[in-house]
Amino acid sequence: MGYTIYYRIKLDEPERAFHFIERACRGLGMECELEEERILIRCPFVEPLIIKNGEGFAKTYGREPCTSLYLLLLLSLSAFGSVELWED
């Protein structure tokens, strides 16, 4: 079975949030790009994490370190707005 991270997010400062996430991803060796109003993060062997205002999810199958990195990146965005996370 899969393992999925779900989120609800509201970014008050989306441009600053993107620059922060871009820097963190570069340091972690992960691909990060801005597409319209969303941030796309890729980690090998799992679904990309698409961060946007509202609700979203990424299936990570519990694979590490991607699962933990996605969780940490999402939680770090609380500095730029509000973030709720849940998993199954």
N, C-alpha and C. Protein backbone atom coordinates (compact mmCIF):
# COMPACT_ATOMS: atom_id res chain seq x y z
N MET A 1 0.84 -1.19 0.00
CA MET A 1 0.00 0.00 0.00
C MET A 1 0.87 1.25 0.00
N GLY A 2 0.24 2.34 -0.33
CA GLY A 2 0.95 3.61 -0.38
C GLY A 2 0.91 4.34 0.94
N TYR A 3 1.73 5.30 1.02
CA TYR A 3 1.78 6.20 2.16
C TYR A 3 1.65 7.59 1.57
N THR A 4 0.74 8.40 2.10
CA THR A 4 0.46 9.70 1.51
C THR A 4 0.55 10.80 2.56
N ILE A 5 1.15 11.91 2.16
CA ILE A 5 1.18 13.13 2.98
C ILE A 5 0.12 14.07 2.41
N TYR A 6 -0.75 14.56 3.27
CA TYR A 6 -1.77 15.52 2.87
C TYR A 6 -1.46 16.85 3.56
N TYR A 7 -1.83 17.94 2.92
CA TYR A 7 -1.60 19.24 3.54
C TYR A 7 -2.69 20.23 3.18
N ARG A 8 -2.82 21.21 4.03
CA ARG A 8 -3.63 22.41 3.78
C ARG A 8 -2.71 23.57 4.10
N ILE A 9 -2.55 24.48 3.17
CA ILE A 9 -1.56 25.55 3.34
C ILE A 9 -2.13 26.88 2.85
N LYS A 10 -1.71 27.94 3.54
CA LYS A 10 -2.01 29.30 3.10
C LYS A 10 -0.74 30.10 3.26
N LEU A 11 -0.14 30.46 2.13
CA LEU A 11 1.10 31.24 2.15
C LEU A 11 0.76 32.72 2.05
N ASP A 12 1.19 33.48 3.06
CA ASP A 12 0.99 34.93 3.05
C ASP A 12 2.07 35.62 2.21
N GLU A 13 3.23 34.96 2.11
CA GLU A 13 4.35 35.51 1.36
C GLU A 13 4.88 34.45 0.39
N PRO A 14 4.14 34.17 -0.68
CA PRO A 14 4.53 33.07 -1.57
C PRO A 14 5.89 33.25 -2.25
N GLU A 15 6.24 34.46 -2.60
CA GLU A 15 7.53 34.67 -3.26
C GLU A 15 8.70 34.39 -2.31
N ARG A 16 8.61 34.88 -1.09
CA ARG A 16 9.66 34.58 -0.10
C ARG A 16 9.70 33.10 0.22
N ALA A 17 8.53 32.47 0.28
CA ALA A 17 8.47 31.03 0.56
C ALA A 17 9.17 30.26 -0.56
N PHE A 18 8.94 30.63 -1.80
CA PHE A 18 9.59 29.95 -2.91
C PHE A 18 11.10 30.09 -2.83
N HIS A 19 11.60 31.29 -2.56
CA HIS A 19 13.05 31.47 -2.48
C HIS A 19 13.65 30.64 -1.35
N PHE A 20 12.95 30.54 -0.24
CA PHE A 20 13.42 29.72 0.87
C PHE A 20 13.46 28.24 0.47
N ILE A 21 12.35 27.76 -0.10
CA ILE A 21 12.27 26.34 -0.50
C ILE A 21 13.29 26.03 -1.59
N GLU A 22 13.46 26.95 -2.53
CA GLU A 22 14.44 26.75 -3.60
C GLU A 22 15.85 26.58 -3.02
N ARG A 23 16.19 27.42 -2.07
CA ARG A 23 17.51 27.34 -1.42
C ARG A 23 17.67 26.03 -0.66
N ALA A 24 16.64 25.64 0.09
CA ALA A 24 16.70 24.40 0.86
C ALA A 24 16.82 23.20 -0.07
N CYS A 25 16.06 23.17 -1.15
CA CYS A 25 16.12 22.06 -2.09
C CYS A 25 17.49 21.96 -2.76
N ARG A 26 18.05 23.09 -3.12
CA ARG A 26 19.38 23.10 -3.73
C ARG A 26 20.39 22.45 -2.79
N GLY A 27 20.33 22.81 -1.52
CA GLY A 27 21.24 22.25 -0.53
C GLY A 27 21.03 20.76 -0.31
N LEU A 28 19.79 20.30 -0.49
CA LEU A 28 19.46 18.88 -0.30
C LEU A 28 19.62 18.06 -1.58
N GLY A 29 19.95 18.73 -2.68
CA GLY A 29 20.11 18.03 -3.95
C GLY A 29 18.79 17.63 -4.60
N MET A 30 17.72 18.35 -4.28
CA MET A 30 16.41 18.06 -4.84
C MET A 30 16.07 19.11 -5.90
N GLU A 31 15.31 18.71 -6.89
CA GLU A 31 14.88 19.62 -7.95
C GLU A 31 13.68 20.43 -7.49
N CYS A 32 13.71 21.73 -7.76
CA CYS A 32 12.63 22.62 -7.34
C CYS A 32 12.40 23.65 -8.45
N GLU A 33 11.12 23.87 -8.77
CA GLU A 33 10.81 24.90 -9.77
C GLU A 33 9.48 25.55 -9.45
N LEU A 34 9.33 26.76 -9.94
CA LEU A 34 8.10 27.52 -9.76
C LEU A 34 7.30 27.41 -11.05
N GLU A 35 6.06 26.94 -10.94
CA GLU A 35 5.15 26.84 -12.09
C GLU A 35 3.89 27.61 -11.75
N GLU A 36 3.69 28.75 -12.40
CA GLU A 36 2.55 29.61 -12.14
C GLU A 36 2.46 29.94 -10.65
N GLU A 37 1.45 29.47 -9.96
CA GLU A 37 1.24 29.79 -8.54
C GLU A 37 1.60 28.62 -7.63
N ARG A 38 2.46 27.72 -8.09
CA ARG A 38 2.78 26.56 -7.28
C ARG A 38 4.26 26.23 -7.35
N ILE A 39 4.74 25.56 -6.31
CA ILE A 39 6.13 25.13 -6.22
C ILE A 39 6.13 23.62 -6.45
N LEU A 40 6.97 23.15 -7.36
CA LEU A 40 7.08 21.74 -7.68
C LEU A 40 8.44 21.23 -7.19
N ILE A 41 8.40 20.20 -6.34
CA ILE A 41 9.63 19.61 -5.79
C ILE A 41 9.66 18.14 -6.18
N ARG A 42 10.81 17.71 -6.70
CA ARG A 42 10.96 16.31 -7.10
C ARG A 42 12.02 15.62 -6.25
N CYS A 43 11.67 14.42 -5.83
CA CYS A 43 12.57 13.54 -5.08
C CYS A 43 12.46 12.18 -5.77
N PRO A 44 13.57 11.48 -5.98
CA PRO A 44 13.53 10.21 -6.72
C PRO A 44 12.60 9.17 -6.09
N PHE A 45 11.91 8.43 -6.94
CA PHE A 45 11.11 7.25 -6.57
C PHE A 45 9.80 7.56 -5.84
N VAL A 46 9.41 8.84 -5.73
CA VAL A 46 8.14 9.20 -5.12
C VAL A 46 7.46 10.24 -6.01
N GLU A 47 6.19 10.49 -5.75
CA GLU A 47 5.48 11.53 -6.50
C GLU A 47 6.07 12.90 -6.17
N PRO A 48 6.03 13.81 -7.12
CA PRO A 48 6.49 15.17 -6.81
C PRO A 48 5.57 15.81 -5.78
N LEU A 49 6.14 16.71 -5.01
CA LEU A 49 5.37 17.50 -4.05
C LEU A 49 5.01 18.80 -4.74
N ILE A 50 3.73 19.07 -4.87
CA ILE A 50 3.25 20.30 -5.50
C ILE A 50 2.65 21.16 -4.39
N ILE A 51 3.34 22.26 -4.09
CA ILE A 51 2.92 23.14 -3.00
C ILE A 51 2.17 24.32 -3.59
N LYS A 52 0.95 24.52 -3.11
CA LYS A 52 0.12 25.64 -3.57
C LYS A 52 -0.81 26.02 -2.43
N ASN A 53 -1.34 27.21 -2.48
CA ASN A 53 -2.35 27.58 -1.49
C ASN A 53 -3.55 26.65 -1.66
N GLY A 54 -4.05 26.17 -0.55
CA GLY A 54 -5.17 25.24 -0.58
C GLY A 54 -4.71 23.87 -0.09
N GLU A 55 -5.38 22.83 -0.59
CA GLU A 55 -5.07 21.47 -0.17
C GLU A 55 -4.30 20.73 -1.25
N GLY A 56 -3.49 19.79 -0.82
CA GLY A 56 -2.73 18.98 -1.76
C GLY A 56 -2.24 17.72 -1.08
N PHE A 57 -1.56 16.88 -1.86
CA PHE A 57 -1.03 15.64 -1.31
C PHE A 57 0.12 15.15 -2.18
N ALA A 58 0.91 14.24 -1.62
CA ALA A 58 1.96 13.56 -2.37
C ALA A 58 2.07 12.14 -1.83
N LYS A 59 2.05 11.17 -2.72
CA LYS A 59 2.22 9.77 -2.34
C LYS A 59 3.73 9.50 -2.30
N THR A 60 4.23 9.13 -1.13
CA THR A 60 5.67 8.87 -0.98
C THR A 60 5.98 7.41 -0.72
N TYR A 61 4.95 6.60 -0.51
CA TYR A 61 5.13 5.17 -0.25
C TYR A 61 5.99 4.92 0.99
N GLY A 62 6.16 5.94 1.83
CA GLY A 62 6.96 5.82 3.04
C GLY A 62 8.45 5.73 2.78
N ARG A 63 8.87 6.02 1.56
CA ARG A 63 10.30 5.92 1.21
C ARG A 63 11.07 7.07 1.83
N GLU A 64 12.15 6.71 2.47
CA GLU A 64 13.03 7.71 3.08
C GLU A 64 14.26 7.90 2.21
N PRO A 65 14.83 9.06 2.18
CA PRO A 65 14.55 10.21 3.04
C PRO A 65 13.46 11.14 2.50
N CYS A 66 12.88 10.80 1.33
CA CYS A 66 11.93 11.71 0.69
C CYS A 66 10.73 12.05 1.56
N THR A 67 10.18 11.05 2.25
CA THR A 67 9.01 11.31 3.09
C THR A 67 9.34 12.35 4.16
N SER A 68 10.43 12.16 4.86
CA SER A 68 10.81 13.10 5.92
C SER A 68 11.17 14.47 5.35
N LEU A 69 11.83 14.50 4.20
CA LEU A 69 12.18 15.78 3.59
C LEU A 69 10.93 16.56 3.18
N TYR A 70 9.96 15.89 2.60
CA TYR A 70 8.71 16.56 2.24
C TYR A 70 8.02 17.12 3.48
N LEU A 71 7.98 16.31 4.54
CA LEU A 71 7.36 16.79 5.78
C LEU A 71 8.08 18.02 6.33
N LEU A 72 9.40 17.97 6.37
CA LEU A 72 10.18 19.10 6.88
C LEU A 72 10.01 20.35 6.01
N LEU A 73 10.01 20.18 4.68
CA LEU A 73 9.84 21.33 3.80
C LEU A 73 8.46 21.95 3.99
N LEU A 74 7.43 21.11 4.07
CA LEU A 74 6.09 21.65 4.27
C LEU A 74 5.97 22.37 5.61
N LEU A 75 6.46 21.76 6.67
CA LEU A 75 6.37 22.40 7.99
C LEU A 75 7.17 23.69 8.06
N SER A 76 8.29 23.75 7.33
CA SER A 76 9.10 24.98 7.35
C SER A 76 8.35 26.15 6.73
N LEU A 77 7.36 25.88 5.90
CA LEU A 77 6.60 26.95 5.27
C LEU A 77 5.67 27.67 6.25
N SER A 78 5.51 27.14 7.44
CA SER A 78 4.67 27.82 8.43
C SER A 78 5.24 29.19 8.79
N ALA A 79 6.52 29.42 8.50
CA ALA A 79 7.12 30.74 8.72
C ALA A 79 6.56 31.77 7.74
N PHE A 80 5.91 31.31 6.68
CA PHE A 80 5.40 32.21 5.65
C PHE A 80 3.88 32.16 5.55
N GLY A 81 3.22 31.53 6.51
CA GLY A 81 1.77 31.42 6.50
C GLY A 81 1.34 30.34 7.47
N SER A 82 0.32 29.58 7.09
CA SER A 82 -0.15 28.50 7.97
C SER A 82 -0.11 27.17 7.22
N VAL A 83 0.20 26.11 7.96
CA VAL A 83 0.33 24.77 7.39
C VAL A 83 -0.33 23.76 8.31
N GLU A 84 -1.13 22.88 7.74
CA GLU A 84 -1.68 21.72 8.45
C GLU A 84 -1.23 20.48 7.68
N LEU A 85 -0.77 19.46 8.40
CA LEU A 85 -0.34 18.21 7.77
C LEU A 85 -1.05 17.04 8.40
N TRP A 86 -1.32 16.03 7.59
CA TRP A 86 -1.75 14.74 8.11
C TRP A 86 -1.28 13.68 7.14
N GLU A 87 -1.21 12.44 7.63
CA GLU A 87 -0.63 11.35 6.85
C GLU A 87 -1.52 10.11 6.96
N ASP A 88 -1.36 9.23 5.99
CA ASP A 88 -1.97 7.90 6.12
C ASP A 88 -1.08 6.85 5.50
